Amino acid sequence: MSKPSSRTSAARRNAEALLSKSQKREASFKLDQEREHEAMAIKTARLRELRLAKEAAEEKLAASTPPAPRPVKPRRSKQT
């Protein structure tokens, strides 16, 4: 009778080992996803700050300089 119980325990150990590996892989994958998400959030915040600073500088420059005069084109009379 010890043979069937040893087979069962060996199968159980194999199944538990596979489950453990699977759980470790899943935990590692979730950790990688979280790190990528944090990196993307940091990058997005930095780019937003740069864009807002650029827009503020452009507004300040536009407010301090008068608009350029439009070039005057000579008018032509209609020829009939």
PDB file of N, CA and C in Angstrom:
ATOM      1  N   MET A   1       0.781  -1.192   0.000  1.00  0.00           N
ATOM      2  CA  MET A   1       0.000   0.000   0.000  1.00  0.00           C
ATOM      3  C   MET A   1       0.827   1.262   0.000  1.00  0.00           C
ATOM      4  N   SER A   2       2.075   1.143   0.292  1.00  0.00           N
ATOM      5  CA  SER A   2       2.897   2.352   0.336  1.00  0.00           C
ATOM      6  C   SER A   2       3.146   2.895  -1.065  1.00  0.00           C
ATOM      7  N   LYS A   3       3.074   2.046  -2.069  1.00  0.00           N
ATOM      8  CA  LYS A   3       3.313   2.516  -3.431  1.00  0.00           C
ATOM      9  C   LYS A   3       2.287   3.550  -3.880  1.00  0.00           C
ATOM     10  N   PRO A   4       0.992   3.342  -3.745  1.00  0.00           N
ATOM     11  CA  PRO A   4       0.043   4.360  -4.192  1.00  0.00           C
ATOM     12  C   PRO A   4       0.191   5.677  -3.417  1.00  0.00           C
ATOM     13  N   SER A   5       0.480   5.605  -2.131  1.00  0.00           N
ATOM     14  CA  SER A   5       0.619   6.850  -1.361  1.00  0.00           C
ATOM     15  C   SER A   5       1.900   7.584  -1.748  1.00  0.00           C
ATOM     16  N   SER A   6       2.961   6.854  -2.102  1.00  0.00           N
ATOM     17  CA  SER A   6       4.192   7.526  -2.527  1.00  0.00           C
ATOM     18  C   SER A   6       3.993   8.174  -3.896  1.00  0.00           C
ATOM     19  N   ARG A   7       3.200   7.529  -4.753  1.00  0.00           N
ATOM     20  CA  ARG A   7       2.892   8.125  -6.051  1.00  0.00           C
ATOM     21  C   ARG A   7       2.077   9.412  -5.863  1.00  0.00           C
ATOM     22  N   THR A   8       1.121   9.345  -4.956  1.00  0.00           N
ATOM     23  CA  THR A   8       0.269  10.497  -4.693  1.00  0.00           C
ATOM     24  C   THR A   8       1.096  11.640  -4.123  1.00  0.00           C
ATOM     25  N   SER A   9       1.988  11.323  -3.198  1.00  0.00           N
ATOM     26  CA  SER A   9       2.786  12.388  -2.588  1.00  0.00           C
ATOM     27  C   SER A   9       3.771  12.977  -3.605  1.00  0.00           C
ATOM     28  N   ALA A  10       4.301  12.140  -4.485  1.00  0.00           N
ATOM     29  CA  ALA A  10       5.213  12.644  -5.517  1.00  0.00           C
ATOM     30  C   ALA A  10       4.450  13.546  -6.483  1.00  0.00           C
ATOM     31  N   ALA A  11       3.251  13.139  -6.865  1.00  0.00           N
ATOM     32  CA  ALA A  11       2.435  13.953  -7.759  1.00  0.00           C
ATOM     33  C   ALA A  11       2.057  15.267  -7.084  1.00  0.00           C
ATOM     34  N   ARG A  12       1.768  15.176  -5.797  1.00  0.00           N
ATOM     35  CA  ARG A  12       1.414  16.381  -5.044  1.00  0.00           C
ATOM     36  C   ARG A  12       2.593  17.343  -4.976  1.00  0.00           C
ATOM     37  N   ARG A  13       3.775  16.798  -4.712  1.00  0.00           N
ATOM     38  CA  ARG A  13       4.985  17.647  -4.659  1.00  0.00           C
ATOM     39  C   ARG A  13       5.228  18.308  -6.004  1.00  0.00           C
ATOM     40  N   ASN A  14       5.067  17.544  -7.093  1.00  0.00           N
ATOM     41  CA  ASN A  14       5.257  18.108  -8.438  1.00  0.00           C
ATOM     42  C   ASN A  14       4.236  19.223  -8.714  1.00  0.00           C
ATOM     43  N   ALA A  15       3.003  18.967  -8.337  1.00  0.00           N
ATOM     44  CA  ALA A  15       1.960  19.972  -8.553  1.00  0.00           C
ATOM     45  C   ALA A  15       2.236  21.222  -7.731  1.00  0.00           C
ATOM     46  N   GLU A  16       2.648  21.051  -6.498  1.00  0.00           N
ATOM     47  CA  GLU A  16       2.954  22.200  -5.649  1.00  0.00           C
ATOM     48  C   GLU A  16       4.163  22.968  -6.179  1.00  0.00           C
ATOM     49  N   ALA A  17       5.137  22.267  -6.723  1.00  0.00           N
ATOM     50  CA  ALA A  17       6.309  22.925  -7.293  1.00  0.00           C
ATOM     51  C   ALA A  17       5.904  23.748  -8.509  1.00  0.00           C
ATOM     52  N   LEU A  18       5.058  23.181  -9.368  1.00  0.00           N
ATOM     53  CA  LEU A  18       4.578  23.924 -10.538  1.00  0.00           C
ATOM     54  C   LEU A  18       3.765  25.149 -10.123  1.00  0.00           C
ATOM     55  N   LEU A  19       2.917  24.991  -9.128  1.00  0.00           N
ATOM     56  CA  LEU A  19       2.113  26.105  -8.632  1.00  0.00           C
ATOM     57  C   LEU A  19       3.009  27.190  -8.055  1.00  0.00           C
ATOM     58  N   SER A  20       4.017  26.786  -7.319  1.00  0.00           N
ATOM     59  CA  SER A  20       4.943  27.755  -6.733  1.00  0.00           C
ATOM     60  C   SER A  20       5.675  28.537  -7.822  1.00  0.00           C
ATOM     61  N   LYS A  21       6.140  27.847  -8.849  1.00  0.00           N
ATOM     62  CA  LYS A  21       6.824  28.520  -9.957  1.00  0.00           C
ATOM     63  C   LYS A  21       5.886  29.494 -10.653  1.00  0.00           C
ATOM     64  N   SER A  22       4.652  29.046 -10.858  1.00  0.00           N
ATOM     65  CA  SER A  22       3.667  29.888 -11.524  1.00  0.00           C
ATOM     66  C   SER A  22       3.375  31.138 -10.690  1.00  0.00           C
ATOM     67  N   GLN A  23       3.232  30.966  -9.400  1.00  0.00           N
ATOM     68  CA  GLN A  23       2.967  32.109  -8.522  1.00  0.00           C
ATOM     69  C   GLN A  23       4.143  33.078  -8.503  1.00  0.00           C
ATOM     70  N   LYS A  24       5.361  32.553  -8.509  1.00  0.00           N
ATOM     71  CA  LYS A  24       6.543  33.417  -8.531  1.00  0.00           C
ATOM     72  C   LYS A  24       6.611  34.210  -9.834  1.00  0.00           C
ATOM     73  N   ARG A  25       6.318  33.544 -10.959  1.00  0.00           N
ATOM     74  CA  ARG A  25       6.305  34.218 -12.255  1.00  0.00           C
ATOM     75  C   ARG A  25       5.259  35.321 -12.284  1.00  0.00           C
ATOM     76  N   GLU A  26       4.080  35.019 -11.765  1.00  0.00           N
ATOM     77  CA  GLU A  26       2.999  36.004 -11.746  1.00  0.00           C
ATOM     78  C   GLU A  26       3.357  37.204 -10.866  1.00  0.00           C
ATOM     79  N   ALA A  27       3.938  36.952  -9.712  1.00  0.00           N
ATOM     80  CA  ALA A  27       4.340  38.036  -8.816  1.00  0.00           C
ATOM     81  C   ALA A  27       5.420  38.896  -9.471  1.00  0.00           C
ATOM     82  N   SER A  28       6.353  38.250 -10.146  1.00  0.00           N
ATOM     83  CA  SER A  28       7.413  38.985 -10.834  1.00  0.00           C
ATOM     84  C   SER A  28       6.839  39.832 -11.957  1.00  0.00           C
ATOM     85  N   PHE A  29       5.895  39.285 -12.695  1.00  0.00           N
ATOM     86  CA  PHE A  29       5.259  40.011 -13.790  1.00  0.00           C
ATOM     87  C   PHE A  29       4.503  41.228 -13.270  1.00  0.00           C
ATOM     88  N   LYS A  30       3.758  41.052 -12.178  1.00  0.00           N
ATOM     89  CA  LYS A  30       3.005  42.160 -11.601  1.00  0.00           C
ATOM     90  C   LYS A  30       3.950  43.252 -11.098  1.00  0.00           C
ATOM     91  N   LEU A  31       5.061  42.863 -10.502  1.00  0.00           N
ATOM     92  CA  LEU A  31       6.041  43.833 -10.023  1.00  0.00           C
ATOM     93  C   LEU A  31       6.638  44.616 -11.189  1.00  0.00           C
ATOM     94  N   ASP A  32       6.955  43.918 -12.276  1.00  0.00           N
ATOM     95  CA  ASP A  32       7.479  44.598 -13.466  1.00  0.00           C
ATOM     96  C   ASP A  32       6.463  45.575 -14.040  1.00  0.00           C
ATOM     97  N   GLN A  33       5.203  45.168 -14.087  1.00  0.00           N
ATOM     98  CA  GLN A  33       4.153  46.055 -14.594  1.00  0.00           C
ATOM     99  C   GLN A  33       4.027  47.302 -13.729  1.00  0.00           C
ATOM    100  N   GLU A  34       4.083  47.128 -12.433  1.00  0.00           N
ATOM    101  CA  GLU A  34       3.975  48.267 -11.519  1.00  0.00           C
ATOM    102  C   GLU A  34       5.148  49.221 -11.710  1.00  0.00           C
ATOM    103  N   ARG A  35       6.340  48.683 -11.868  1.00  0.00           N
ATOM    104  CA  ARG A  35       7.525  49.527 -12.094  1.00  0.00           C
ATOM    105  C   ARG A  35       7.408  50.300 -13.407  1.00  0.00           C
ATOM    106  N   GLU A  36       6.938  49.630 -14.461  1.00  0.00           N
ATOM    107  CA  GLU A  36       6.761  50.300 -15.749  1.00  0.00           C
ATOM    108  C   GLU A  36       5.709  51.406 -15.648  1.00  0.00           C
ATOM    109  N   HIS A  37       4.639  51.142 -14.906  1.00  0.00           N
ATOM    110  CA  HIS A  37       3.592  52.142 -14.731  1.00  0.00           C
ATOM    111  C   HIS A  37       4.140  53.373 -13.993  1.00  0.00           C
ATOM    112  N   GLU A  38       4.909  53.144 -12.943  1.00  0.00           N
ATOM    113  CA  GLU A  38       5.498  54.249 -12.193  1.00  0.00           C
ATOM    114  C   GLU A  38       6.461  55.045 -13.068  1.00  0.00           C
ATOM    115  N   ALA A  39       7.267  54.355 -13.862  1.00  0.00           N
ATOM    116  CA  ALA A  39       8.208  55.038 -14.750  1.00  0.00           C
ATOM    117  C   ALA A  39       7.465  55.881 -15.774  1.00  0.00           C
ATOM    118  N   MET A  40       6.379  55.356 -16.315  1.00  0.00           N
ATOM    119  CA  MET A  40       5.584  56.096 -17.298  1.00  0.00           C
ATOM    120  C   MET A  40       4.942  57.319 -16.646  1.00  0.00           C
ATOM    121  N   ALA A  41       4.462  57.185 -15.419  1.00  0.00           N
ATOM    122  CA  ALA A  41       3.843  58.309 -14.722  1.00  0.00           C
ATOM    123  C   ALA A  41       4.874  59.411 -14.456  1.00  0.00           C
ATOM    124  N   ILE A  42       6.073  59.027 -14.076  1.00  0.00           N
ATOM    125  CA  ILE A  42       7.140  60.004 -13.831  1.00  0.00           C
ATOM    126  C   ILE A  42       7.510  60.707 -15.128  1.00  0.00           C
ATOM    127  N   LYS A  43       7.637  59.951 -16.201  1.00  0.00           N
ATOM    128  CA  LYS A  43       7.987  60.524 -17.505  1.00  0.00           C
ATOM    129  C   LYS A  43       6.905  61.493 -17.972  1.00  0.00           C
ATOM    130  N   THR A  44       5.638  61.098 -17.816  1.00  0.00           N
ATOM    131  CA  THR A  44       4.530  61.946 -18.226  1.00  0.00           C
ATOM    132  C   THR A  44       4.511  63.247 -17.431  1.00  0.00           C
ATOM    133  N   ALA A  45       4.738  63.157 -16.133  1.00  0.00           N
ATOM    134  CA  ALA A  45       4.753  64.360 -15.291  1.00  0.00           C
ATOM    135  C   ALA A  45       5.888  65.290 -15.704  1.00  0.00           C
ATOM    136  N   ARG A  46       7.051  64.735 -15.990  1.00  0.00           N
ATOM    137  CA  ARG A  46       8.191  65.550 -16.408  1.00  0.00           C
ATOM    138  C   ARG A  46       7.911  66.243 -17.740  1.00  0.00           C
ATOM    139  N   LEU A  47       7.349  65.497 -18.686  1.00  0.00           N
ATOM    140  CA  LEU A  47       7.035  66.092 -19.986  1.00  0.00           C
ATOM    141  C   LEU A  47       5.952  67.164 -19.871  1.00  0.00           C
ATOM    142  N   ARG A  48       4.988  66.954 -18.992  1.00  0.00           N
ATOM    143  CA  ARG A  48       3.944  67.949 -18.780  1.00  0.00           C
ATOM    144  C   ARG A  48       4.546  69.235 -18.217  1.00  0.00           C
ATOM    145  N   GLU A  49       5.455  69.092 -17.251  1.00  0.00           N
ATOM    146  CA  GLU A  49       6.120  70.267 -16.679  1.00  0.00           C
ATOM    147  C   GLU A  49       6.903  71.026 -17.748  1.00  0.00           C
ATOM    148  N   LEU A  50       7.605  70.300 -18.587  1.00  0.00           N
ATOM    149  CA  LEU A  50       8.371  70.956 -19.652  1.00  0.00           C
ATOM    150  C   LEU A  50       7.451  71.680 -20.632  1.00  0.00           C
ATOM    151  N   ARG A  51       6.339  71.045 -21.002  1.00  0.00           N
ATOM    152  CA  ARG A  51       5.406  71.672 -21.934  1.00  0.00           C
ATOM    153  C   ARG A  51       4.795  72.926 -21.341  1.00  0.00           C
ATOM    154  N   LEU A  52       4.396  72.857 -20.069  1.00  0.00           N
ATOM    155  CA  LEU A  52       3.801  74.031 -19.429  1.00  0.00           C
ATOM    156  C   LEU A  52       4.809  75.165 -19.303  1.00  0.00           C
ATOM    157  N   ALA A  53       6.056  74.838 -18.994  1.00  0.00           N
ATOM    158  CA  ALA A  53       7.102  75.866 -18.907  1.00  0.00           C
ATOM    159  C   ALA A  53       7.327  76.502 -20.273  1.00  0.00           C
ATOM    160  N   LYS A  54       7.334  75.690 -21.320  1.00  0.00           N
ATOM    161  CA  LYS A  54       7.524  76.213 -22.671  1.00  0.00           C
ATOM    162  C   LYS A  54       6.373  77.127 -23.054  1.00  0.00           C
ATOM    163  N   GLU A  55       5.145  76.701 -22.772  1.00  0.00           N
ATOM    164  CA  GLU A  55       3.986  77.525 -23.099  1.00  0.00           C
ATOM    165  C   GLU A  55       4.007  78.842 -22.330  1.00  0.00           C
ATOM    166  N   ALA A  56       4.409  78.816 -21.074  1.00  0.00           N
ATOM    167  CA  ALA A  56       4.480  80.040 -20.278  1.00  0.00           C
ATOM    168  C   ALA A  56       5.535  80.987 -20.846  1.00  0.00           C
ATOM    169  N   ALA A  57       6.677  80.425 -21.257  1.00  0.00           N
ATOM    170  CA  ALA A  57       7.735  81.255 -21.838  1.00  0.00           C
ATOM    171  C   ALA A  57       7.273  81.866 -23.157  1.00  0.00           C
ATOM    172  N   GLU A  58       6.567  81.103 -23.958  1.00  0.00           N
ATOM    173  CA  GLU A  58       6.061  81.615 -25.232  1.00  0.00           C
ATOM    174  C   GLU A  58       5.024  82.713 -25.015  1.00  0.00           C
ATOM    175  N   GLU A  59       4.139  82.542 -24.020  1.00  0.00           N
ATOM    176  CA  GLU A  59       3.150  83.572 -23.713  1.00  0.00           C
ATOM    177  C   GLU A  59       3.826  84.854 -23.240  1.00  0.00           C
ATOM    178  N   LYS A  60       4.833  84.698 -22.404  1.00  0.00           N
ATOM    179  CA  LYS A  60       5.556  85.864 -21.889  1.00  0.00           C
ATOM    180  C   LYS A  60       6.243  86.600 -23.037  1.00  0.00           C
ATOM    181  N   LEU A  61       6.836  85.862 -23.940  1.00  0.00           N
ATOM    182  CA  LEU A  61       7.512  86.462 -25.085  1.00  0.00           C
ATOM    183  C   LEU A  61       6.500  87.147 -25.998  1.00  0.00           C
ATOM    184  N   ALA A  62       5.375  86.510 -26.226  1.00  0.00           N
ATOM    185  CA  ALA A  62       4.350  87.092 -27.096  1.00  0.00           C
ATOM    186  C   ALA A  62       3.770  88.367 -26.475  1.00  0.00           C
ATOM    187  N   ALA A  63       3.642  88.399 -25.169  1.00  0.00           N
ATOM    188  CA  ALA A  63       3.093  89.574 -24.498  1.00  0.00           C
ATOM    189  C   ALA A  63       4.081  90.732 -24.500  1.00  0.00           C
ATOM    190  N   SER A  64       5.367  90.445 -24.495  1.00  0.00           N
ATOM    191  CA  SER A  64       6.368  91.511 -24.409  1.00  0.00           C
ATOM    192  C   SER A  64       6.734  92.088 -25.772  1.00  0.00           C
ATOM    193  N   THR A  65       6.505  91.363 -26.847  1.00  0.00           N
ATOM    194  CA  THR A  65       6.844  91.882 -28.172  1.00  0.00           C
ATOM    195  C   THR A  65       5.581  92.304 -28.898  1.00  0.00           C
ATOM    196  N   PRO A  66       5.614  93.463 -29.553  1.00  0.00           N
ATOM    197  CA  PRO A  66       4.439  93.902 -30.307  1.00  0.00           C
ATOM    198  C   PRO A  66       4.276  93.034 -31.549  1.00  0.00           C
ATOM    199  N   PRO A  67       3.064  92.928 -32.048  1.00  0.00           N
ATOM    200  CA  PRO A  67       2.854  92.108 -33.250  1.00  0.00           C
ATOM    201  C   PRO A  67       3.558  92.737 -34.445  1.00  0.00           C
ATOM    202  N   ALA A  68       4.044  91.922 -35.322  1.00  0.00           N
ATOM    203  CA  ALA A  68       4.760  92.393 -36.509  1.00  0.00           C
ATOM    204  C   ALA A  68       3.770  93.031 -37.470  1.00  0.00           C
ATOM    205  N   PRO A  69       4.158  94.152 -38.085  1.00  0.00           N
ATOM    206  CA  PRO A  69       3.241  94.785 -39.038  1.00  0.00           C
ATOM    207  C   PRO A  69       3.088  93.914 -40.281  1.00  0.00           C
ATOM    208  N   ARG A  70       1.895  93.943 -40.834  1.00  0.00           N
ATOM    209  CA  ARG A  70       1.637  93.161 -42.032  1.00  0.00           C
ATOM    210  C   ARG A  70       2.274  93.862 -43.223  1.00  0.00           C
ATOM    211  N   PRO A  71       2.853  93.117 -44.124  1.00  0.00           N
ATOM    212  CA  PRO A  71       3.448  93.744 -45.305  1.00  0.00           C
ATOM    213  C   PRO A  71       2.353  94.354 -46.188  1.00  0.00           C
ATOM    214  N   VAL A  72       2.644  95.517 -46.704  1.00  0.00           N
ATOM    215  CA  VAL A  72       1.679  96.222 -47.537  1.00  0.00           C
ATOM    216  C   VAL A  72       1.907  95.820 -48.979  1.00  0.00           C
ATOM    217  N   LYS A  73       0.846  95.320 -49.607  1.00  0.00           N
ATOM    218  CA  LYS A  73       0.944  94.925 -51.008  1.00  0.00           C
ATOM    219  C   LYS A  73       0.370  96.060 -51.856  1.00  0.00           C
ATOM    220  N   PRO A  74       1.027  96.408 -52.953  1.00  0.00           N
ATOM    221  CA  PRO A  74       0.474  97.466 -53.810  1.00  0.00           C
ATOM    222  C   PRO A  74      -0.820  96.975 -54.466  1.00  0.00           C
ATOM    223  N   ARG A  75      -1.782  97.868 -54.526  1.00  0.00           N
ATOM    224  CA  ARG A  75      -3.067  97.514 -55.137  1.00  0.00           C
ATOM    225  C   ARG A  75      -2.979  97.711 -56.635  1.00  0.00           C
ATOM    226  N   ARG A  76      -3.602  96.835 -57.327  1.00  0.00           N
ATOM    227  CA  ARG A  76      -3.627  96.942 -58.788  1.00  0.00           C
ATOM    228  C   ARG A  76      -5.028  97.328 -59.223  1.00  0.00           C
ATOM    229  N   SER A  77      -5.088  98.132 -60.199  1.00  0.00           N
ATOM    230  CA  SER A  77      -6.403  98.492 -60.727  1.00  0.00           C
ATOM    231  C   SER A  77      -6.896  97.390 -61.648  1.00  0.00           C
ATOM    232  N   LYS A  78      -8.198  97.294 -61.737  1.00  0.00           N
ATOM    233  CA  LYS A  78      -8.771  96.264 -62.598  1.00  0.00           C
ATOM    234  C   LYS A  78      -8.595  96.676 -64.044  1.00  0.00           C
ATOM    235  N   GLN A  79      -8.191  95.760 -64.830  1.00  0.00           N
ATOM    236  CA  GLN A  79      -8.034  96.026 -66.266  1.00  0.00           C
ATOM    237  C   GLN A  79      -9.194  95.370 -67.004  1.00  0.00           C
ATOM    238  N   THR A  80      -9.857  96.149 -67.785  1.00  0.00           N
ATOM    239  CA  THR A  80     -10.999  95.618 -68.523  1.00  0.00           C
ATOM    240  C   THR A  80     -10.771  95.541 -69.993  1.00  0.00           C
TER     241      THR A  80
END
